[in-house]
Amino acid sequence: MNKPNQPSSDPAPSEQKAGSERDRNEDWGLVERSQQGDQSAFAELVRRYQRKAYSLAFGMVHNADDARDVVQDAFVKVHRHLPNFKGDSSFYTWFYRIVVNVGIDHVRKHGRNQAVDYDDTVAHDADGPGDGELLPSTLGVNPATALGRREIREAIHKALETLSPNHRAVLLMRESEGMSYEEMAEAMECSKGTIMSRLFHARKNMQKVLIELLGGSNYKVS
């Protein structure tokens, strides 16, 4: 277990990175065509990223309708600003920066204590793990005695609500989307060290809340 006063270096293996070089090249080709007015190319970008965007948005706002609104607003912003995208970062991280910012704005505007609409499609998203996958890989909590995946998922959503928007975002990008520290730093426009610190504290706080929600002594930290 990591020392409590140090953020973990926790390097991500290359296969965990959110986008491969091939994906980035394909994205850039679609971006260039979109900038030239090819609407089918933009539609392909939407198809590629709408489910991942929804998974991230849902993890942040915890309501299916609100998550769809976040995704729609994000794609409107992408379409509006795409002509100015120069490729200084990958489209992937640029896009996620927009989704995260829209999600953070939504959380700050509407507050955390909103009704939670659990959506099983998130947990079964074929494009990536849902929030239910956060528990074992992120927080060192053994869910072997849990009543079921739904109970775990609900506890995760409640625990995520206790985090600040920035901590919530880094945890979801890292654990649900598999983004590297470098990609996360680009997406959130901050240093790698800031990302590592936010992630350390997000994991620590999530672990504490989840242990309480999932039964205290019935769960152990590895």
C-alpha atoms as a PDB file:
ATOM      1  CA  MET A   1       0.000   0.000   0.000  1.00  0.00           C
ATOM      2  CA  ASN A   2       1.282   3.493  -0.779  1.00  0.00           C
ATOM      3  CA  LYS A   3       2.659   5.651   1.992  1.00  0.00           C
ATOM      4  CA  PRO A   4      -0.186   7.930   3.152  1.00  0.00           C
ATOM      5  CA  ASN A   5       1.779  11.136   2.604  1.00  0.00           C
ATOM      6  CA  GLN A   6       2.949  10.462  -0.940  1.00  0.00           C
ATOM      7  CA  PRO A   7       1.094  10.295  -4.245  1.00  0.00           C
ATOM      8  CA  SER A   8       1.791   7.059  -6.084  1.00  0.00           C
ATOM      9  CA  SER A   9       3.868   7.161  -9.253  1.00  0.00           C
ATOM     10  CA  ASP A  10       1.682   4.303 -10.528  1.00  0.00           C
ATOM     11  CA  PRO A  11       2.863   4.347 -14.154  1.00  0.00           C
ATOM     12  CA  ALA A  12       0.301   3.118 -16.633  1.00  0.00           C
ATOM     13  CA  PRO A  13       1.442   0.336 -18.974  1.00  0.00           C
ATOM     14  CA  SER A  14       1.278   1.306 -22.620  1.00  0.00           C
ATOM     15  CA  GLU A  15      -1.719  -0.911 -23.279  1.00  0.00           C
ATOM     16  CA  GLN A  16      -3.756   1.075 -20.746  1.00  0.00           C
ATOM     17  CA  LYS A  17      -3.387   4.333 -22.614  1.00  0.00           C
ATOM     18  CA  ALA A  18      -6.671   5.680 -23.845  1.00  0.00           C
ATOM     19  CA  GLY A  19      -5.752   6.148 -27.504  1.00  0.00           C
ATOM     20  CA  SER A  20      -3.269   4.285 -29.669  1.00  0.00           C
ATOM     21  CA  GLU A  21      -1.047   5.979 -32.256  1.00  0.00           C
ATOM     22  CA  ARG A  22      -3.233   4.512 -34.963  1.00  0.00           C
ATOM     23  CA  ASP A  23      -6.350   5.934 -33.319  1.00  0.00           C
ATOM     24  CA  ARG A  24      -4.714   9.350 -33.094  1.00  0.00           C
ATOM     25  CA  ASN A  25      -3.773   9.290 -36.759  1.00  0.00           C
ATOM     26  CA  GLU A  26      -7.287   8.259 -37.744  1.00  0.00           C
ATOM     27  CA  ASP A  27      -8.743  10.975 -35.526  1.00  0.00           C
ATOM     28  CA  TRP A  28      -6.527  13.591 -37.143  1.00  0.00           C
ATOM     29  CA  GLY A  29      -7.639  12.479 -40.597  1.00  0.00           C
ATOM     30  CA  LEU A  30     -11.270  12.836 -39.550  1.00  0.00           C
ATOM     31  CA  VAL A  31     -10.544  16.235 -37.988  1.00  0.00           C
ATOM     32  CA  GLU A  32      -8.941  17.520 -41.190  1.00  0.00           C
ATOM     33  CA  ARG A  33     -11.882  16.316 -43.271  1.00  0.00           C
ATOM     34  CA  SER A  34     -14.325  17.870 -40.788  1.00  0.00           C
ATOM     35  CA  GLN A  35     -12.480  21.181 -40.976  1.00  0.00           C
ATOM     36  CA  GLN A  36     -12.941  21.039 -44.746  1.00  0.00           C
ATOM     37  CA  GLY A  37     -16.698  20.697 -44.309  1.00  0.00           C
ATOM     38  CA  ASP A  38     -17.083  16.904 -44.472  1.00  0.00           C
ATOM     39  CA  GLN A  39     -20.049  16.299 -42.176  1.00  0.00           C
ATOM     40  CA  SER A  40     -19.721  12.528 -42.473  1.00  0.00           C
ATOM     41  CA  ALA A  41     -16.228  12.806 -40.962  1.00  0.00           C
ATOM     42  CA  PHE A  42     -17.588  14.756 -38.001  1.00  0.00           C
ATOM     43  CA  ALA A  43     -20.370  12.200 -37.627  1.00  0.00           C
ATOM     44  CA  GLU A  44     -17.686   9.510 -37.413  1.00  0.00           C
ATOM     45  CA  LEU A  45     -15.910  11.431 -34.647  1.00  0.00           C
ATOM     46  CA  VAL A  46     -19.215  11.599 -32.784  1.00  0.00           C
ATOM     47  CA  ARG A  47     -19.750   7.881 -33.267  1.00  0.00           C
ATOM     48  CA  ARG A  48     -16.255   7.121 -31.991  1.00  0.00           C
ATOM     49  CA  TYR A  49     -16.508   9.135 -28.818  1.00  0.00           C
ATOM     50  CA  GLN A  50     -20.134   9.572 -27.797  1.00  0.00           C
ATOM     51  CA  ARG A  51     -20.300   6.453 -25.603  1.00  0.00           C
ATOM     52  CA  LYS A  52     -16.990   7.202 -23.916  1.00  0.00           C
ATOM     53  CA  ALA A  53     -18.107  10.792 -23.424  1.00  0.00           C
ATOM     54  CA  TYR A  54     -21.386   9.596 -21.932  1.00  0.00           C
ATOM     55  CA  SER A  55     -19.587   7.230 -19.557  1.00  0.00           C
ATOM     56  CA  LEU A  56     -17.360  10.051 -18.313  1.00  0.00           C
ATOM     57  CA  ALA A  57     -20.241  12.538 -18.103  1.00  0.00           C
ATOM     58  CA  PHE A  58     -22.466  10.086 -16.248  1.00  0.00           C
ATOM     59  CA  GLY A  59     -19.703   9.404 -13.762  1.00  0.00           C
ATOM     60  CA  MET A  60     -19.489  13.123 -13.085  1.00  0.00           C
ATOM     61  CA  VAL A  61     -23.173  14.113 -12.956  1.00  0.00           C
ATOM     62  CA  HIS A  62     -24.798  10.781 -11.954  1.00  0.00           C
ATOM     63  CA  ASN A  63     -27.957  11.297 -13.923  1.00  0.00           C
ATOM     64  CA  ALA A  64     -28.675   9.852 -17.366  1.00  0.00           C
ATOM     65  CA  ASP A  65     -30.566  12.866 -18.724  1.00  0.00           C
ATOM     66  CA  ASP A  66     -27.984  15.307 -17.402  1.00  0.00           C
ATOM     67  CA  ALA A  67     -25.163  13.185 -18.810  1.00  0.00           C
ATOM     68  CA  ARG A  68     -26.784  13.269 -22.246  1.00  0.00           C
ATOM     69  CA  ASP A  69     -27.086  17.050 -21.949  1.00  0.00           C
ATOM     70  CA  VAL A  70     -23.397  17.309 -21.048  1.00  0.00           C
ATOM     71  CA  VAL A  71     -22.423  15.172 -24.032  1.00  0.00           C
ATOM     72  CA  GLN A  72     -24.635  17.159 -26.400  1.00  0.00           C
ATOM     73  CA  ASP A  73     -23.231  20.463 -25.135  1.00  0.00           C
ATOM     74  CA  ALA A  74     -19.701  19.104 -25.453  1.00  0.00           C
ATOM     75  CA  PHE A  75     -20.185  18.054 -29.064  1.00  0.00           C
ATOM     76  CA  VAL A  76     -21.745  21.427 -29.895  1.00  0.00           C
ATOM     77  CA  LYS A  77     -18.598  23.072 -28.521  1.00  0.00           C
ATOM     78  CA  VAL A  78     -16.394  20.629 -30.424  1.00  0.00           C
ATOM     79  CA  HIS A  79     -18.199  21.416 -33.685  1.00  0.00           C
ATOM     80  CA  ARG A  80     -17.981  25.156 -33.031  1.00  0.00           C
ATOM     81  CA  HIS A  81     -14.271  25.175 -32.163  1.00  0.00           C
ATOM     82  CA  LEU A  82     -13.011  22.392 -34.423  1.00  0.00           C
ATOM     83  CA  PRO A  83     -11.953  24.832 -37.193  1.00  0.00           C
ATOM     84  CA  ASN A  84      -9.471  26.324 -34.695  1.00  0.00           C
ATOM     85  CA  PHE A  85      -8.047  22.971 -33.576  1.00  0.00           C
ATOM     86  CA  LYS A  86      -4.388  22.915 -34.654  1.00  0.00           C
ATOM     87  CA  GLY A  87      -3.384  19.496 -33.405  1.00  0.00           C
ATOM     88  CA  ASP A  88      -1.077  20.794 -30.659  1.00  0.00           C
ATOM     89  CA  SER A  89      -2.547  18.000 -28.544  1.00  0.00           C
ATOM     90  CA  SER A  90      -4.354  14.868 -29.654  1.00  0.00           C
ATOM     91  CA  PHE A  91      -8.011  15.250 -30.577  1.00  0.00           C
ATOM     92  CA  TYR A  92      -8.742  12.732 -27.830  1.00  0.00           C
ATOM     93  CA  THR A  93      -7.345  14.871 -25.008  1.00  0.00           C
ATOM     94  CA  TRP A  94      -8.731  18.080 -26.523  1.00  0.00           C
ATOM     95  CA  PHE A  95     -12.162  16.508 -26.690  1.00  0.00           C
ATOM     96  CA  TYR A  96     -11.965  15.190 -23.141  1.00  0.00           C
ATOM     97  CA  ARG A  97     -10.938  18.631 -21.916  1.00  0.00           C
ATOM     98  CA  ILE A  98     -14.221  19.942 -23.304  1.00  0.00           C
ATOM     99  CA  VAL A  99     -16.310  17.120 -21.795  1.00  0.00           C
ATOM    100  CA  VAL A 100     -14.644  17.534 -18.403  1.00  0.00           C
ATOM    101  CA  ASN A 101     -15.109  21.313 -18.407  1.00  0.00           C
ATOM    102  CA  VAL A 102     -18.780  21.025 -19.371  1.00  0.00           C
ATOM    103  CA  GLY A 103     -19.249  18.342 -16.695  1.00  0.00           C
ATOM    104  CA  ILE A 104     -17.520  20.435 -14.024  1.00  0.00           C
ATOM    105  CA  ASP A 105     -19.650  23.446 -14.947  1.00  0.00           C
ATOM    106  CA  HIS A 106     -22.768  21.299 -14.636  1.00  0.00           C
ATOM    107  CA  VAL A 107     -21.764  19.956 -11.210  1.00  0.00           C
ATOM    108  CA  ARG A 108     -20.970  23.436  -9.923  1.00  0.00           C
ATOM    109  CA  LYS A 109     -24.191  24.867 -11.322  1.00  0.00           C
ATOM    110  CA  HIS A 110     -26.537  22.152 -10.094  1.00  0.00           C
ATOM    111  CA  GLY A 111     -24.717  20.957  -6.982  1.00  0.00           C
ATOM    112  CA  ARG A 112     -23.857  17.416  -5.957  1.00  0.00           C
ATOM    113  CA  ASN A 113     -27.044  16.474  -4.170  1.00  0.00           C
ATOM    114  CA  GLN A 114     -29.076  15.655  -7.233  1.00  0.00           C
ATOM    115  CA  ALA A 115     -31.197  12.572  -7.769  1.00  0.00           C
ATOM    116  CA  VAL A 116     -29.139   9.650  -9.011  1.00  0.00           C
ATOM    117  CA  ASP A 117     -30.484   7.805 -12.019  1.00  0.00           C
ATOM    118  CA  TYR A 118     -28.536   4.550 -12.217  1.00  0.00           C
ATOM    119  CA  ASP A 119     -28.013   3.454 -15.773  1.00  0.00           C
ATOM    120  CA  ASP A 120     -26.914  -0.141 -16.341  1.00  0.00           C
ATOM    121  CA  THR A 121     -25.753   0.688 -19.860  1.00  0.00           C
ATOM    122  CA  VAL A 122     -22.778   2.493 -18.340  1.00  0.00           C
ATOM    123  CA  ALA A 123     -21.563  -0.612 -16.571  1.00  0.00           C
ATOM    124  CA  HIS A 124     -21.923  -2.664 -19.735  1.00  0.00           C
ATOM    125  CA  ASP A 125     -20.427  -0.151 -22.149  1.00  0.00           C
ATOM    126  CA  ALA A 126     -18.624  -2.208 -24.783  1.00  0.00           C
ATOM    127  CA  ASP A 127     -16.139   0.613 -25.355  1.00  0.00           C
ATOM    128  CA  GLY A 128     -14.761   0.618 -21.830  1.00  0.00           C
ATOM    129  CA  PRO A 129     -15.341  -0.324 -18.200  1.00  0.00           C
ATOM    130  CA  GLY A 130     -18.159   1.275 -16.293  1.00  0.00           C
ATOM    131  CA  ASP A 131     -17.966   2.810 -12.849  1.00  0.00           C
ATOM    132  CA  GLY A 132     -18.463  -0.616 -11.329  1.00  0.00           C
ATOM    133  CA  GLU A 133     -14.954  -1.497 -12.474  1.00  0.00           C
ATOM    134  CA  LEU A 134     -13.437   1.274 -10.356  1.00  0.00           C
ATOM    135  CA  LEU A 135     -13.684  -0.573  -7.078  1.00  0.00           C
ATOM    136  CA  PRO A 136     -11.134  -3.400  -7.232  1.00  0.00           C
ATOM    137  CA  SER A 137      -8.566  -1.702  -9.461  1.00  0.00           C
ATOM    138  CA  THR A 138      -8.596   1.713  -7.874  1.00  0.00           C
ATOM    139  CA  LEU A 139      -9.244   1.479  -4.207  1.00  0.00           C
ATOM    140  CA  GLY A 140      -7.916  -1.801  -2.872  1.00  0.00           C
ATOM    141  CA  VAL A 141     -11.289  -2.759  -1.418  1.00  0.00           C
ATOM    142  CA  ASN A 142     -12.236  -6.414  -1.569  1.00  0.00           C
ATOM    143  CA  PRO A 143     -15.903  -6.611  -2.653  1.00  0.00           C
ATOM    144  CA  ALA A 144     -16.107 -10.400  -2.253  1.00  0.00           C
ATOM    145  CA  THR A 145     -18.911 -10.203   0.294  1.00  0.00           C
ATOM    146  CA  ALA A 146     -20.953  -7.617  -1.597  1.00  0.00           C
ATOM    147  CA  LEU A 147     -24.595  -8.367  -2.278  1.00  0.00           C
ATOM    148  CA  GLY A 148     -24.239  -7.672  -5.993  1.00  0.00           C
ATOM    149  CA  ARG A 149     -22.852  -5.430  -8.691  1.00  0.00           C
ATOM    150  CA  ARG A 150     -25.720  -2.964  -8.364  1.00  0.00           C
ATOM    151  CA  GLU A 151     -24.970  -2.413  -4.662  1.00  0.00           C
ATOM    152  CA  ILE A 152     -21.305  -1.839  -5.475  1.00  0.00           C
ATOM    153  CA  ARG A 153     -22.203   0.522  -8.321  1.00  0.00           C
ATOM    154  CA  GLU A 154     -24.560   2.542  -6.151  1.00  0.00           C
ATOM    155  CA  ALA A 155     -21.907   2.852  -3.447  1.00  0.00           C
ATOM    156  CA  ILE A 156     -19.392   4.057  -6.032  1.00  0.00           C
ATOM    157  CA  HIS A 157     -21.801   6.713  -7.319  1.00  0.00           C
ATOM    158  CA  LYS A 158     -22.453   7.931  -3.772  1.00  0.00           C
ATOM    159  CA  ALA A 159     -18.732   8.011  -3.015  1.00  0.00           C
ATOM    160  CA  LEU A 160     -17.991   9.897  -6.241  1.00  0.00           C
ATOM    161  CA  GLU A 161     -20.495  12.547  -5.187  1.00  0.00           C
ATOM    162  CA  THR A 162     -18.319  13.319  -2.155  1.00  0.00           C
ATOM    163  CA  LEU A 163     -15.364  14.282  -4.367  1.00  0.00           C
ATOM    164  CA  SER A 164     -14.675  17.707  -5.804  1.00  0.00           C
ATOM    165  CA  PRO A 165     -15.345  18.009  -9.556  1.00  0.00           C
ATOM    166  CA  ASN A 166     -11.621  17.976 -10.352  1.00  0.00           C
ATOM    167  CA  HIS A 167     -10.942  14.898  -8.227  1.00  0.00           C
ATOM    168  CA  ARG A 168     -13.969  13.166  -9.694  1.00  0.00           C
ATOM    169  CA  ALA A 169     -12.752  13.905 -13.207  1.00  0.00           C
ATOM    170  CA  VAL A 170      -9.196  12.617 -12.725  1.00  0.00           C
ATOM    171  CA  LEU A 171     -10.406   9.410 -11.091  1.00  0.00           C
ATOM    172  CA  LEU A 172     -12.813   8.670 -13.931  1.00  0.00           C
ATOM    173  CA  MET A 173     -10.316   9.523 -16.665  1.00  0.00           C
ATOM    174  CA  ARG A 174      -7.660   7.323 -15.093  1.00  0.00           C
ATOM    175  CA  GLU A 175      -9.660   4.317 -13.971  1.00  0.00           C
ATOM    176  CA  SER A 176     -12.614   4.199 -16.362  1.00  0.00           C
ATOM    177  CA  GLU A 177     -10.908   5.584 -19.462  1.00  0.00           C
ATOM    178  CA  GLY A 178      -7.350   4.359 -18.873  1.00  0.00           C
ATOM    179  CA  MET A 179      -5.780   7.703 -19.713  1.00  0.00           C
ATOM    180  CA  SER A 180      -2.089   8.248 -18.991  1.00  0.00           C
ATOM    181  CA  TYR A 181      -0.923  11.013 -16.659  1.00  0.00           C
ATOM    182  CA  GLU A 182       0.334  12.950 -19.677  1.00  0.00           C
ATOM    183  CA  GLU A 183      -3.042  12.693 -21.435  1.00  0.00           C
ATOM    184  CA  MET A 184      -4.857  13.734 -18.264  1.00  0.00           C
ATOM    185  CA  ALA A 185      -2.534  16.696 -17.763  1.00  0.00           C
ATOM    186  CA  GLU A 186      -3.245  17.831 -21.335  1.00  0.00           C
ATOM    187  CA  ALA A 187      -6.979  17.358 -20.893  1.00  0.00           C
ATOM    188  CA  MET A 188      -7.093  19.315 -17.630  1.00  0.00           C
ATOM    189  CA  GLU A 189      -4.419  21.854 -18.612  1.00  0.00           C
ATOM    190  CA  CYS A 190      -2.249  21.319 -15.553  1.00  0.00           C
ATOM    191  CA  SER A 191       1.025  19.631 -14.667  1.00  0.00           C
ATOM    192  CA  LYS A 192       1.569  15.888 -14.363  1.00  0.00           C
ATOM    193  CA  GLY A 193       2.427  16.430 -10.698  1.00  0.00           C
ATOM    194  CA  THR A 194      -0.933  18.104 -10.102  1.00  0.00           C
ATOM    195  CA  ILE A 195      -2.692  15.166 -11.752  1.00  0.00           C
ATOM    196  CA  MET A 196      -0.804  12.678  -9.563  1.00  0.00           C
ATOM    197  CA  SER A 197      -1.656  14.633  -6.427  1.00  0.00           C
ATOM    198  CA  ARG A 198      -5.337  14.936  -7.337  1.00  0.00           C
ATOM    199  CA  LEU A 199      -5.528  11.243  -8.168  1.00  0.00           C
ATOM    200  CA  PHE A 200      -3.847  10.230  -4.915  1.00  0.00           C
ATOM    201  CA  HIS A 201      -6.287  12.246  -2.826  1.00  0.00           C
ATOM    202  CA  ALA A 202      -9.284  11.166  -4.913  1.00  0.00           C
ATOM    203  CA  ARG A 203      -8.419   7.490  -4.409  1.00  0.00           C
ATOM    204  CA  LYS A 204      -7.773   7.973  -0.708  1.00  0.00           C
ATOM    205  CA  ASN A 205     -11.098   9.745  -0.148  1.00  0.00           C
ATOM    206  CA  MET A 206     -13.010   7.258  -2.300  1.00  0.00           C
ATOM    207  CA  GLN A 207     -11.492   4.360  -0.391  1.00  0.00           C
ATOM    208  CA  LYS A 208     -12.512   5.832   2.947  1.00  0.00           C
ATOM    209  CA  VAL A 209     -16.111   6.499   1.872  1.00  0.00           C
ATOM    210  CA  LEU A 210     -16.532   3.148   0.132  1.00  0.00           C
ATOM    211  CA  ILE A 211     -15.328   1.197   3.149  1.00  0.00           C
ATOM    212  CA  GLU A 212     -17.965   2.997   5.216  1.00  0.00           C
ATOM    213  CA  LEU A 213     -20.710   2.459   2.632  1.00  0.00           C
ATOM    214  CA  LEU A 214     -19.879  -1.188   1.975  1.00  0.00           C
ATOM    215  CA  GLY A 215     -19.862  -2.360   5.533  1.00  0.00           C
ATOM    216  CA  GLY A 216     -16.738  -1.221   7.325  1.00  0.00           C
ATOM    217  CA  SER A 217     -15.078  -4.242   8.875  1.00  0.00           C
ATOM    218  CA  ASN A 218     -16.529  -6.579   6.240  1.00  0.00           C
ATOM    219  CA  TYR A 219     -14.178  -5.045   3.687  1.00  0.00           C
ATOM    220  CA  LYS A 220     -10.437  -4.932   3.735  1.00  0.00           C
ATOM    221  CA  VAL A 221      -7.883  -2.653   2.160  1.00  0.00           C
ATOM    222  CA  SER A 222      -5.084  -4.403   0.278  1.00  0.00           C
END
